[in-house]
Full PDB file with SEQRES, HELIX, SHEET, SSBOND, CRYST1, ORIGX, SCALE, CONECT and MASTER records, all heavy atoms in Angstrom:
SEQRES   1 A   39  ASP LEU LYS ALA ALA ASN THR ARG LYS GLU PRO GLU ARG          
SEQRES   2 A   39  ILE ARG PRO ARG PRO LEU GLU ARG VAL THR LEU LYS GLY          
SEQRES   3 A   39  GLN ASN LEU THR ALA THR LEU ALA PRO ALA SER TRP ASN          
SHEET    1 AA1 2 VAL A  22  LYS A  25  0                                        
SHEET    2 AA1 2 ASN A  28  ALA A  31 -1                                        
CRYST1    1.000    1.000    1.000  90.00  90.00  90.00 P 1           1          
ORIGX1      1.000000  0.000000  0.000000        0.00000                         
ORIGX2      0.000000  1.000000  0.000000        0.00000                         
ORIGX3      0.000000  0.000000  1.000000        0.00000                         
SCALE1      1.000000  0.000000  0.000000        0.00000                         
SCALE2      0.000000  1.000000  0.000000        0.00000                         
SCALE3      0.000000  0.000000  1.000000        0.00000                         
ATOM      1  N   ASP A   1     -14.319   0.003 -26.279  1.00  0.00           N  
ATOM      2  CA  ASP A   1     -14.217  -1.089 -27.250  1.00  0.00           C  
ATOM      3  C   ASP A   1     -13.305  -2.164 -26.669  1.00  0.00           C  
ATOM      4  O   ASP A   1     -12.081  -2.012 -26.654  1.00  0.00           O  
ATOM      5  CB  ASP A   1     -13.657  -0.560 -28.564  1.00  0.00           C  
ATOM      6  CG  ASP A   1     -13.542  -1.645 -29.625  1.00  0.00           C  
ATOM      7  OD1 ASP A   1     -13.943  -2.801 -29.352  1.00  0.00           O  
ATOM      8  OD2 ASP A   1     -13.018  -1.343 -30.721  1.00  0.00           O  
ATOM      9  N   LEU A   2     -13.890  -3.246 -26.182  1.00  0.00           N  
ATOM     10  CA  LEU A   2     -13.092  -4.306 -25.554  1.00  0.00           C  
ATOM     11  C   LEU A   2     -12.213  -5.043 -26.562  1.00  0.00           C  
ATOM     12  O   LEU A   2     -11.298  -5.772 -26.157  1.00  0.00           O  
ATOM     13  CB  LEU A   2     -14.009  -5.295 -24.837  1.00  0.00           C  
ATOM     14  CG  LEU A   2     -14.660  -4.787 -23.554  1.00  0.00           C  
ATOM     15  CD1 LEU A   2     -15.567  -5.858 -22.957  1.00  0.00           C  
ATOM     16  CD2 LEU A   2     -13.607  -4.359 -22.540  1.00  0.00           C  
ATOM     17  N   LYS A   3     -12.462  -4.881 -27.843  1.00  0.00           N  
ATOM     18  CA  LYS A   3     -11.636  -5.538 -28.858  1.00  0.00           C  
ATOM     19  C   LYS A   3     -10.493  -4.643 -29.334  1.00  0.00           C  
ATOM     20  O   LYS A   3      -9.678  -5.057 -30.159  1.00  0.00           O  
ATOM     21  CB  LYS A   3     -12.501  -5.932 -30.067  1.00  0.00           C  
ATOM     22  CG  LYS A   3     -13.665  -6.847 -29.720  1.00  0.00           C  
ATOM     23  CD  LYS A   3     -13.225  -8.152 -29.071  1.00  0.00           C  
ATOM     24  CE  LYS A   3     -14.399  -9.069 -28.780  1.00  0.00           C  
ATOM     25  NZ  LYS A   3     -13.990 -10.311 -28.095  1.00  0.00           N  
ATOM     26  N   ALA A   4     -10.409  -3.427 -28.822  1.00  0.00           N  
ATOM     27  CA  ALA A   4      -9.335  -2.508 -29.225  1.00  0.00           C  
ATOM     28  C   ALA A   4      -7.989  -3.048 -28.779  1.00  0.00           C  
ATOM     29  O   ALA A   4      -7.860  -3.705 -27.739  1.00  0.00           O  
ATOM     30  CB  ALA A   4      -9.580  -1.128 -28.622  1.00  0.00           C  
ATOM     31  N   ALA A   5      -6.942  -2.759 -29.571  1.00  0.00           N  
ATOM     32  CA  ALA A   5      -5.600  -3.275 -29.302  1.00  0.00           C  
ATOM     33  C   ALA A   5      -4.563  -2.214 -29.644  1.00  0.00           C  
ATOM     34  O   ALA A   5      -4.858  -1.232 -30.344  1.00  0.00           O  
ATOM     35  CB  ALA A   5      -5.346  -4.540 -30.131  1.00  0.00           C  
ATOM     36  N   ASN A   6      -3.357  -2.411 -29.149  1.00  0.00           N  
ATOM     37  CA  ASN A   6      -2.223  -1.575 -29.534  1.00  0.00           C  
ATOM     38  C   ASN A   6      -1.540  -2.183 -30.748  1.00  0.00           C  
ATOM     39  O   ASN A   6      -1.337  -3.396 -30.811  1.00  0.00           O  
ATOM     40  CB  ASN A   6      -1.221  -1.459 -28.380  1.00  0.00           C  
ATOM     41  CG  ASN A   6      -1.783  -0.683 -27.205  1.00  0.00           C  
ATOM     42  OD1 ASN A   6      -2.773   0.027 -27.344  1.00  0.00           O  
ATOM     43  ND2 ASN A   6      -1.165  -0.815 -26.047  1.00  0.00           N  
ATOM     44  N   THR A   7      -1.199  -1.338 -31.699  1.00  0.00           N  
ATOM     45  CA  THR A   7      -0.585  -1.802 -32.933  1.00  0.00           C  
ATOM     46  C   THR A   7       0.625  -0.947 -33.257  1.00  0.00           C  
ATOM     47  O   THR A   7       0.883   0.060 -32.598  1.00  0.00           O  
ATOM     48  CB  THR A   7      -1.581  -1.714 -34.100  1.00  0.00           C  
ATOM     49  OG1 THR A   7      -1.926  -0.337 -34.306  1.00  0.00           O  
ATOM     50  CG2 THR A   7      -2.833  -2.524 -33.812  1.00  0.00           C  
ATOM     51  N   ARG A   8       1.339  -1.325 -34.300  1.00  0.00           N  
ATOM     52  CA  ARG A   8       2.491  -0.540 -34.723  1.00  0.00           C  
ATOM     53  C   ARG A   8       2.082   0.898 -35.068  1.00  0.00           C  
ATOM     54  O   ARG A   8       2.779   1.854 -34.754  1.00  0.00           O  
ATOM     55  CB  ARG A   8       3.154  -1.197 -35.923  1.00  0.00           C  
ATOM     56  CG  ARG A   8       4.516  -0.578 -36.264  1.00  0.00           C  
ATOM     57  CD  ARG A   8       4.615  -0.354 -37.771  1.00  0.00           C  
ATOM     58  NE  ARG A   8       5.940   0.049 -38.173  1.00  0.00           N  
ATOM     59  CZ  ARG A   8       6.372   1.309 -38.144  1.00  0.00           C  
ATOM     60  NH1 ARG A   8       5.613   2.278 -37.654  1.00  0.00           N  
ATOM     61  NH2 ARG A   8       7.578   1.604 -38.571  1.00  0.00           N  
ATOM     62  N   LYS A   9       0.911   1.053 -35.697  1.00  0.00           N  
ATOM     63  CA  LYS A   9       0.448   2.387 -36.086  1.00  0.00           C  
ATOM     64  C   LYS A   9      -0.159   3.154 -34.916  1.00  0.00           C  
ATOM     65  O   LYS A   9      -0.153   4.387 -34.911  1.00  0.00           O  
ATOM     66  CB  LYS A   9      -0.578   2.273 -37.226  1.00  0.00           C  
ATOM     67  CG  LYS A   9       0.015   1.794 -38.539  1.00  0.00           C  
ATOM     68  CD  LYS A   9      -1.037   1.774 -39.631  1.00  0.00           C  
ATOM     69  CE  LYS A   9      -0.437   1.347 -40.968  1.00  0.00           C  
ATOM     70  NZ  LYS A   9      -1.469   1.317 -42.044  1.00  0.00           N  
ATOM     71  N   GLU A  10      -0.709   2.432 -33.955  1.00  0.00           N  
ATOM     72  CA  GLU A  10      -1.355   3.074 -32.813  1.00  0.00           C  
ATOM     73  C   GLU A  10      -0.877   2.372 -31.530  1.00  0.00           C  
ATOM     74  O   GLU A  10      -1.636   1.652 -30.871  1.00  0.00           O  
ATOM     75  CB  GLU A  10      -2.872   2.982 -32.959  1.00  0.00           C  
ATOM     76  CG  GLU A  10      -3.606   4.015 -32.134  1.00  0.00           C  
ATOM     77  CD  GLU A  10      -5.099   4.002 -32.402  1.00  0.00           C  
ATOM     78  OE1 GLU A  10      -5.563   3.176 -33.209  1.00  0.00           O  
ATOM     79  OE2 GLU A  10      -5.807   4.837 -31.806  1.00  0.00           O  
ATOM     80  N   PRO A  11       0.393   2.575 -31.157  1.00  0.00           N  
ATOM     81  CA  PRO A  11       0.993   1.788 -30.076  1.00  0.00           C  
ATOM     82  C   PRO A  11       0.485   2.136 -28.686  1.00  0.00           C  
ATOM     83  O   PRO A  11       0.732   1.370 -27.745  1.00  0.00           O  
ATOM     84  CB  PRO A  11       2.490   2.094 -30.202  1.00  0.00           C  
ATOM     85  CG  PRO A  11       2.550   3.433 -30.851  1.00  0.00           C  
ATOM     86  CD  PRO A  11       1.387   3.472 -31.797  1.00  0.00           C  
ATOM     87  N   GLU A  12      -0.208   3.250 -28.513  1.00  0.00           N  
ATOM     88  CA  GLU A  12      -0.707   3.632 -27.191  1.00  0.00           C  
ATOM     89  C   GLU A  12      -2.221   3.777 -27.177  1.00  0.00           C  
ATOM     90  O   GLU A  12      -2.781   4.550 -26.406  1.00  0.00           O  
ATOM     91  CB  GLU A  12      -0.027   4.922 -26.725  1.00  0.00           C  
ATOM     92  CG  GLU A  12       1.473   4.762 -26.522  1.00  0.00           C  
ATOM     93  CD  GLU A  12       2.103   5.960 -25.847  1.00  0.00           C  
ATOM     94  OE1 GLU A  12       1.392   6.954 -25.579  1.00  0.00           O  
ATOM     95  OE2 GLU A  12       3.310   5.900 -25.572  1.00  0.00           O  
ATOM     96  N   ARG A  13      -2.881   3.007 -28.035  1.00  0.00           N  
ATOM     97  CA  ARG A  13      -4.352   3.037 -28.062  1.00  0.00           C  
ATOM     98  C   ARG A  13      -4.921   2.670 -26.682  1.00  0.00           C  
ATOM     99  O   ARG A  13      -5.848   3.300 -26.185  1.00  0.00           O  
ATOM    100  CB  ARG A  13      -4.855   2.044 -29.120  1.00  0.00           C  
ATOM    101  CG  ARG A  13      -6.352   1.774 -29.118  1.00  0.00           C  
ATOM    102  CD  ARG A  13      -7.125   2.990 -29.622  1.00  0.00           C  
ATOM    103  NE  ARG A  13      -8.516   2.662 -29.863  1.00  0.00           N  
ATOM    104  CZ  ARG A  13      -9.466   2.636 -28.929  1.00  0.00           C  
ATOM    105  NH1 ARG A  13      -9.162   2.923 -27.686  1.00  0.00           N  
ATOM    106  NH2 ARG A  13     -10.705   2.331 -29.240  1.00  0.00           N  
ATOM    107  N   ILE A  14      -4.344   1.639 -26.066  1.00  0.00           N  
ATOM    108  CA  ILE A  14      -4.743   1.224 -24.732  1.00  0.00           C  
ATOM    109  C   ILE A  14      -3.557   1.446 -23.797  1.00  0.00           C  
ATOM    110  O   ILE A  14      -2.460   0.931 -24.028  1.00  0.00           O  
ATOM    111  CB  ILE A  14      -5.126  -0.272 -24.700  1.00  0.00           C  
ATOM    112  CG1 ILE A  14      -6.207  -0.585 -25.738  1.00  0.00           C  
ATOM    113  CG2 ILE A  14      -5.567  -0.675 -23.298  1.00  0.00           C  
ATOM    114  CD1 ILE A  14      -7.541   0.039 -25.460  1.00  0.00           C  
ATOM    115  N   ARG A  15      -3.781   2.201 -22.744  1.00  0.00           N  
ATOM    116  CA  ARG A  15      -2.732   2.442 -21.742  1.00  0.00           C  
ATOM    117  C   ARG A  15      -3.392   2.898 -20.447  1.00  0.00           C  
ATOM    118  O   ARG A  15      -4.547   3.325 -20.452  1.00  0.00           O  
ATOM    119  CB  ARG A  15      -1.731   3.492 -22.233  1.00  0.00           C  
ATOM    120  CG  ARG A  15      -2.319   4.851 -22.563  1.00  0.00           C  
ATOM    121  CD  ARG A  15      -1.279   5.779 -23.153  1.00  0.00           C  
ATOM    122  NE  ARG A  15      -1.834   7.044 -23.587  1.00  0.00           N  
ATOM    123  CZ  ARG A  15      -2.015   8.108 -22.815  1.00  0.00           C  
ATOM    124  NH1 ARG A  15      -1.658   8.042 -21.532  1.00  0.00           N  
ATOM    125  NH2 ARG A  15      -2.529   9.221 -23.289  1.00  0.00           N  
ATOM    126  N   PRO A  16      -2.681   2.825 -19.331  1.00  0.00           N  
ATOM    127  CA  PRO A  16      -3.267   3.280 -18.065  1.00  0.00           C  
ATOM    128  C   PRO A  16      -3.474   4.786 -18.062  1.00  0.00           C  
ATOM    129  O   PRO A  16      -2.675   5.543 -18.626  1.00  0.00           O  
ATOM    130  CB  PRO A  16      -2.213   2.877 -17.022  1.00  0.00           C  
ATOM    131  CG  PRO A  16      -1.321   1.918 -17.708  1.00  0.00           C  
ATOM    132  CD  PRO A  16      -1.348   2.248 -19.150  1.00  0.00           C  
ATOM    133  N   ARG A  17      -4.546   5.196 -17.424  1.00  0.00           N  
ATOM    134  CA  ARG A  17      -4.852   6.614 -17.253  1.00  0.00           C  
ATOM    135  C   ARG A  17      -5.200   6.850 -15.785  1.00  0.00           C  
ATOM    136  O   ARG A  17      -5.496   5.913 -15.046  1.00  0.00           O  
ATOM    137  CB  ARG A  17      -6.006   7.029 -18.169  1.00  0.00           C  
ATOM    138  CG  ARG A  17      -5.711   6.760 -19.644  1.00  0.00           C  
ATOM    139  CD  ARG A  17      -6.878   7.119 -20.535  1.00  0.00           C  
ATOM    140  NE  ARG A  17      -6.670   6.650 -21.904  1.00  0.00           N  
ATOM    141  CZ  ARG A  17      -5.965   7.295 -22.820  1.00  0.00           C  
ATOM    142  NH1 ARG A  17      -5.401   8.458 -22.512  1.00  0.00           N  
ATOM    143  NH2 ARG A  17      -5.827   6.811 -24.040  1.00  0.00           N  
ATOM    144  N   PRO A  18      -5.166   8.097 -15.341  1.00  0.00           N  
ATOM    145  CA  PRO A  18      -5.479   8.362 -13.938  1.00  0.00           C  
ATOM    146  C   PRO A  18      -6.888   7.896 -13.572  1.00  0.00           C  
ATOM    147  O   PRO A  18      -7.835   8.081 -14.331  1.00  0.00           O  
ATOM    148  CB  PRO A  18      -5.340   9.877 -13.819  1.00  0.00           C  
ATOM    149  CG  PRO A  18      -4.413  10.267 -14.927  1.00  0.00           C  
ATOM    150  CD  PRO A  18      -4.727   9.329 -16.050  1.00  0.00           C  
ATOM    151  N   LEU A  19      -7.002   7.282 -12.398  1.00  0.00           N  
ATOM    152  CA  LEU A  19      -8.302   6.935 -11.835  1.00  0.00           C  
ATOM    153  C   LEU A  19      -8.802   8.167 -11.085  1.00  0.00           C  
ATOM    154  O   LEU A  19      -8.280   8.533 -10.031  1.00  0.00           O  
ATOM    155  CB  LEU A  19      -8.165   5.731 -10.896  1.00  0.00           C  
ATOM    156  CG  LEU A  19      -9.425   5.270 -10.179  1.00  0.00           C  
ATOM    157  CD1 LEU A  19     -10.498   4.833 -11.165  1.00  0.00           C  
ATOM    158  CD2 LEU A  19      -9.089   4.138  -9.209  1.00  0.00           C  
ATOM    159  N   GLU A  20      -9.792   8.817 -11.638  1.00  0.00           N  
ATOM    160  CA  GLU A  20     -10.199  10.133 -11.142  1.00  0.00           C  
ATOM    161  C   GLU A  20     -11.084  10.054  -9.907  1.00  0.00           C  
ATOM    162  O   GLU A  20     -10.951  10.845  -8.975  1.00  0.00           O  
ATOM    163  CB  GLU A  20     -10.940  10.891 -12.253  1.00  0.00           C  
ATOM    164  CG  GLU A  20     -10.137  11.086 -13.540  1.00  0.00           C  
ATOM    165  CD  GLU A  20      -9.014  12.099 -13.383  1.00  0.00           C  
ATOM    166  OE1 GLU A  20      -8.915  12.728 -12.311  1.00  0.00           O  
ATOM    167  OE2 GLU A  20      -8.221  12.248 -14.338  1.00  0.00           O  
ATOM    168  N   ARG A  21     -12.007   9.103  -9.884  1.00  0.00           N  
ATOM    169  CA  ARG A  21     -13.028   9.110  -8.837  1.00  0.00           C  
ATOM    170  C   ARG A  21     -12.622   8.200  -7.678  1.00  0.00           C  
ATOM    171  O   ARG A  21     -13.103   7.076  -7.533  1.00  0.00           O  
ATOM    172  CB  ARG A  21     -14.371   8.695  -9.436  1.00  0.00           C  
ATOM    173  CG  ARG A  21     -14.919   9.729 -10.425  1.00  0.00           C  
ATOM    174  CD  ARG A  21     -16.205   9.266 -11.059  1.00  0.00           C  
ATOM    175  NE  ARG A  21     -15.991   8.177 -11.979  1.00  0.00           N  
ATOM    176  CZ  ARG A  21     -16.982   7.514 -12.591  1.00  0.00           C  
ATOM    177  NH1 ARG A  21     -18.241   7.856 -12.344  1.00  0.00           N  
ATOM    178  NH2 ARG A  21     -16.721   6.539 -13.429  1.00  0.00           N  
ATOM    179  N   VAL A  22     -11.695   8.684  -6.883  1.00  0.00           N  
ATOM    180  CA  VAL A  22     -11.230   7.937  -5.718  1.00  0.00           C  
ATOM    181  C   VAL A  22     -10.998   8.924  -4.580  1.00  0.00           C  
ATOM    182  O   VAL A  22     -10.407   9.996  -4.778  1.00  0.00           O  
ATOM    183  CB  VAL A  22      -9.958   7.123  -6.043  1.00  0.00           C  
ATOM    184  CG1 VAL A  22      -8.860   7.995  -6.618  1.00  0.00           C  
ATOM    185  CG2 VAL A  22      -9.458   6.373  -4.819  1.00  0.00           C  
ATOM    186  N   THR A  23     -11.480   8.590  -3.387  1.00  0.00           N  
ATOM    187  CA  THR A  23     -11.307   9.453  -2.220  1.00  0.00           C  
ATOM    188  C   THR A  23     -10.850   8.609  -1.038  1.00  0.00           C  
ATOM    189  O   THR A  23     -11.171   7.413  -0.937  1.00  0.00           O  
ATOM    190  CB  THR A  23     -12.610  10.176  -1.842  1.00  0.00           C  
ATOM    191  OG1 THR A  23     -13.632   9.198  -1.573  1.00  0.00           O  
ATOM    192  CG2 THR A  23     -13.069  11.093  -2.962  1.00  0.00           C  
ATOM    193  N   LEU A  24     -10.123   9.237  -0.143  1.00  0.00           N  
ATOM    194  CA  LEU A  24      -9.618   8.570   1.050  1.00  0.00           C  
ATOM    195  C   LEU A  24      -9.923   9.435   2.260  1.00  0.00           C  
ATOM    196  O   LEU A  24      -9.554  10.614   2.305  1.00  0.00           O  
ATOM    197  CB  LEU A  24      -8.107   8.338   0.932  1.00  0.00           C  
ATOM    198  CG  LEU A  24      -7.413   7.716   2.141  1.00  0.00           C  
ATOM    199  CD1 LEU A  24      -7.881   6.284   2.360  1.00  0.00           C  
ATOM    200  CD2 LEU A  24      -5.892   7.755   1.966  1.00  0.00           C  
ATOM    201  N   LYS A  25     -10.604   8.859   3.240  1.00  0.00           N  
ATOM    202  CA  LYS A  25     -10.881   9.549   4.493  1.00  0.00           C  
ATOM    203  C   LYS A  25     -10.469   8.625   5.631  1.00  0.00           C  
ATOM    204  O   LYS A  25     -11.137   7.618   5.894  1.00  0.00           O  
ATOM    205  CB  LYS A  25     -12.359   9.917   4.607  1.00  0.00           C  
ATOM    206  CG  LYS A  25     -12.811  10.959   3.593  1.00  0.00           C  
ATOM    207  CD  LYS A  25     -14.274  11.320   3.791  1.00  0.00           C  
ATOM    208  CE  LYS A  25     -14.724  12.387   2.787  1.00  0.00           C  
ATOM    209  NZ  LYS A  25     -16.166  12.737   2.966  1.00  0.00           N  
ATOM    210  N   GLY A  26      -9.347   8.961   6.262  1.00  0.00           N  
ATOM    211  CA  GLY A  26      -8.834   8.098   7.317  1.00  0.00           C  
ATOM    212  C   GLY A  26      -8.465   6.742   6.786  1.00  0.00           C  
ATOM    213  O   GLY A  26      -7.604   6.616   5.911  1.00  0.00           O  
ATOM    214  N   GLN A  27      -9.151   5.701   7.288  1.00  0.00           N  
ATOM    215  CA  GLN A  27      -8.877   4.327   6.861  1.00  0.00           C  
ATOM    216  C   GLN A  27      -9.893   3.833   5.830  1.00  0.00           C  
ATOM    217  O   GLN A  27      -9.885   2.659   5.468  1.00  0.00           O  
ATOM    218  CB  GLN A  27      -8.891   3.394   8.073  1.00  0.00           C  
ATOM    219  CG  GLN A  27      -7.784   3.695   9.081  1.00  0.00           C  
ATOM    220  CD  GLN A  27      -7.854   2.770  10.283  1.00  0.00           C  
ATOM    221  OE1 GLN A  27      -8.916   2.263  10.639  1.00  0.00           O  
ATOM    222  NE2 GLN A  27      -6.710   2.547  10.911  1.00  0.00           N  
ATOM    223  N   ASN A  28     -10.711   4.731   5.345  1.00  0.00           N  
ATOM    224  CA  ASN A  28     -11.777   4.343   4.416  1.00  0.00           C  
ATOM    225  C   ASN A  28     -11.548   4.952   3.043  1.00  0.00           C  
ATOM    226  O   ASN A  28     -11.413   6.167   2.902  1.00  0.00           O  
ATOM    227  CB  ASN A  28     -13.133   4.792   4.967  1.00  0.00           C  
ATOM    228  CG  ASN A  28     -13.449   4.134   6.293  1.00  0.00           C  
ATOM    229  OD1 ASN A  28     -13.482   2.912   6.389  1.00  0.00           O  
ATOM    230  ND2 ASN A  28     -13.668   4.942   7.324  1.00  0.00           N  
ATOM    231  N   LEU A  29     -11.509   4.076   2.058  1.00  0.00           N  
ATOM    232  CA  LEU A  29     -11.292   4.493   0.671  1.00  0.00           C  
ATOM    233  C   LEU A  29     -12.533   4.158  -0.138  1.00  0.00           C  
ATOM    234  O   LEU A  29     -13.110   3.070   0.020  1.00  0.00           O  
ATOM    235  CB  LEU A  29     -10.071   3.787   0.091  1.00  0.00           C  
ATOM    236  CG  LEU A  29      -9.696   4.091  -1.358  1.00  0.00           C  
ATOM    237  CD1 LEU A  29      -8.181   4.097  -1.524  1.00  0.00           C  
ATOM    238  CD2 LEU A  29     -10.303   3.083  -2.340  1.00  0.00           C  
ATOM    239  N   THR A  30     -12.928   5.081  -0.983  1.00  0.00           N  
ATOM    240  CA  THR A  30     -14.038   4.836  -1.905  1.00  0.00           C  
ATOM    241  C   THR A  30     -13.588   5.170  -3.312  1.00  0.00           C  
ATOM    242  O   THR A  30     -12.983   6.222  -3.547  1.00  0.00           O  
ATOM    243  CB  THR A  30     -15.257   5.702  -1.542  1.00  0.00           C  
ATOM    244  OG1 THR A  30     -15.653   5.411  -0.204  1.00  0.00           O  
ATOM    245  CG2 THR A  30     -16.419   5.408  -2.479  1.00  0.00           C  
ATOM    246  N   ALA A  31     -13.840   4.259  -4.252  1.00  0.00           N  
ATOM    247  CA  ALA A  31     -13.471   4.482  -5.654  1.00  0.00           C  
ATOM    248  C   ALA A  31     -14.621   4.041  -6.542  1.00  0.00           C  
ATOM    249  O   ALA A  31     -15.339   3.084  -6.224  1.00  0.00           O  
ATOM    250  CB  ALA A  31     -12.207   3.714  -6.009  1.00  0.00           C  
ATOM    251  N   THR A  32     -14.795   4.757  -7.638  1.00  0.00           N  
ATOM    252  CA  THR A  32     -15.768   4.352  -8.651  1.00  0.00           C  
ATOM    253  C   THR A  32     -15.011   3.724  -9.807  1.00  0.00           C  
ATOM    254  O   THR A  32     -14.196   4.379 -10.467  1.00  0.00           O  
ATOM    255  CB  THR A  32     -16.582   5.548  -9.142  1.00  0.00           C  
ATOM    256  OG1 THR A  32     -17.245   6.147  -8.023  1.00  0.00           O  
ATOM    257  CG2 THR A  32     -17.617   5.110 -10.167  1.00  0.00           C  
ATOM    258  N   LEU A  33     -15.272   2.441 -10.042  1.00  0.00           N  
ATOM    259  CA  LEU A  33     -14.572   1.688 -11.077  1.00  0.00           C  
ATOM    260  C   LEU A  33     -15.446   1.592 -12.323  1.00  0.00           C  
ATOM    261  O   LEU A  33     -16.627   1.229 -12.242  1.00  0.00           O  
ATOM    262  CB  LEU A  33     -14.228   0.275 -10.582  1.00  0.00           C  
ATOM    263  CG  LEU A  33     -13.534   0.168  -9.213  1.00  0.00           C  
ATOM    264  CD1 LEU A  33     -13.200  -1.291  -8.922  1.00  0.00           C  
ATOM    265  CD2 LEU A  33     -12.288   1.038  -9.164  1.00  0.00           C  
ATOM    266  N   ALA A  34     -14.871   1.898 -13.459  1.00  0.00           N  
ATOM    267  CA  ALA A  34     -15.599   1.809 -14.724  1.00  0.00           C  
ATOM    268  C   ALA A  34     -15.954   0.355 -15.023  1.00  0.00           C  
ATOM    269  O   ALA A  34     -15.307  -0.578 -14.526  1.00  0.00           O  
ATOM    270  CB  ALA A  34     -14.745   2.380 -15.852  1.00  0.00           C  
ATOM    271  N   PRO A  35     -16.982   0.131 -15.844  1.00  0.00           N  
ATOM    272  CA  PRO A  35     -17.268  -1.250 -16.266  1.00  0.00           C  
ATOM    273  C   PRO A  35     -16.048  -1.847 -16.972  1.00  0.00           C  
ATOM    274  O   PRO A  35     -15.322  -1.145 -17.680  1.00  0.00           O  
ATOM    275  CB  PRO A  35     -18.439  -1.092 -17.234  1.00  0.00           C  
ATOM    276  CG  PRO A  35     -19.015   0.251 -16.946  1.00  0.00           C  
ATOM    277  CD  PRO A  35     -17.887   1.105 -16.470  1.00  0.00           C  
ATOM    278  N   ALA A  36     -15.841  -3.136 -16.781  1.00  0.00           N  
ATOM    279  CA  ALA A  36     -14.767  -3.863 -17.455  1.00  0.00           C  
ATOM    280  C   ALA A  36     -13.454  -3.084 -17.370  1.00  0.00           C  
ATOM    281  O   ALA A  36     -12.915  -2.640 -18.379  1.00  0.00           O  
ATOM    282  CB  ALA A  36     -15.135  -4.142 -18.902  1.00  0.00           C  
ATOM    283  N   SER A  37     -12.966  -2.936 -16.159  1.00  0.00           N  
ATOM    284  CA  SER A  37     -11.769  -2.118 -15.961  1.00  0.00           C  
ATOM    285  C   SER A  37     -10.765  -2.784 -15.030  1.00  0.00           C  
ATOM    286  O   SER A  37     -11.135  -3.530 -14.117  1.00  0.00           O  
ATOM    287  CB  SER A  37     -12.133  -0.737 -15.415  1.00  0.00           C  
ATOM    288  OG  SER A  37     -12.727  -0.850 -14.125  1.00  0.00           O  
ATOM    289  N   TRP A  38      -9.498  -2.499 -15.281  1.00  0.00           N  
ATOM    290  CA  TRP A  38      -8.373  -2.901 -14.439  1.00  0.00           C  
ATOM    291  C   TRP A  38      -7.911  -1.648 -13.700  1.00  0.00           C  
ATOM    292  O   TRP A  38      -7.686  -0.598 -14.305  1.00  0.00           O  
ATOM    293  CB  TRP A  38      -7.248  -3.456 -15.304  1.00  0.00           C  
ATOM    294  CG  TRP A  38      -5.916  -3.572 -14.625  1.00  0.00           C  
ATOM    295  CD1 TRP A  38      -4.867  -2.716 -14.724  1.00  0.00           C  
ATOM    296  CD2 TRP A  38      -5.481  -4.621 -13.742  1.00  0.00           C  
ATOM    297  NE1 TRP A  38      -3.802  -3.145 -13.970  1.00  0.00           N  
ATOM    298  CE2 TRP A  38      -4.143  -4.313 -13.361  1.00  0.00           C  
ATOM    299  CE3 TRP A  38      -6.075  -5.773 -13.251  1.00  0.00           C  
ATOM    300  CZ2 TRP A  38      -3.407  -5.133 -12.503  1.00  0.00           C  
ATOM    301  CZ3 TRP A  38      -5.348  -6.595 -12.396  1.00  0.00           C  
ATOM    302  CH2 TRP A  38      -4.035  -6.284 -12.037  1.00  0.00           C  
ATOM    303  N   ASN A  39      -7.773  -1.755 -12.371  1.00  0.00           N  
ATOM    304  CA  ASN A  39      -7.488  -0.586 -11.550  1.00  0.00           C  
ATOM    305  C   ASN A  39      -6.386  -0.886 -10.543  1.00  0.00           C  
ATOM    306  O   ASN A  39      -6.327  -1.988  -9.965  1.00  0.00           O  
ATOM    307  CB  ASN A  39      -8.744  -0.169 -10.786  1.00  0.00           C  
ATOM    308  CG  ASN A  39      -9.936   0.049 -11.697  1.00  0.00           C  
ATOM    309  OD1 ASN A  39     -10.150   1.152 -12.184  1.00  0.00           O  
ATOM    310  ND2 ASN A  39     -10.699  -1.005 -11.955  1.00  0.00           N  
TER     311      ASN A  39                                                      
MASTER        0    0    0    0    2    0    0    6  310    1    0    3          
END                                                                             
């Protein structure tokens, strides 16, 4: 829900979470980014 917000009643509705789908091999990194996401 892109309109979701943090409020007094729900202060952690939106917060950073672990980026699960990321791998590193040598100098090459691959990550899967969710739609409409900050990473």
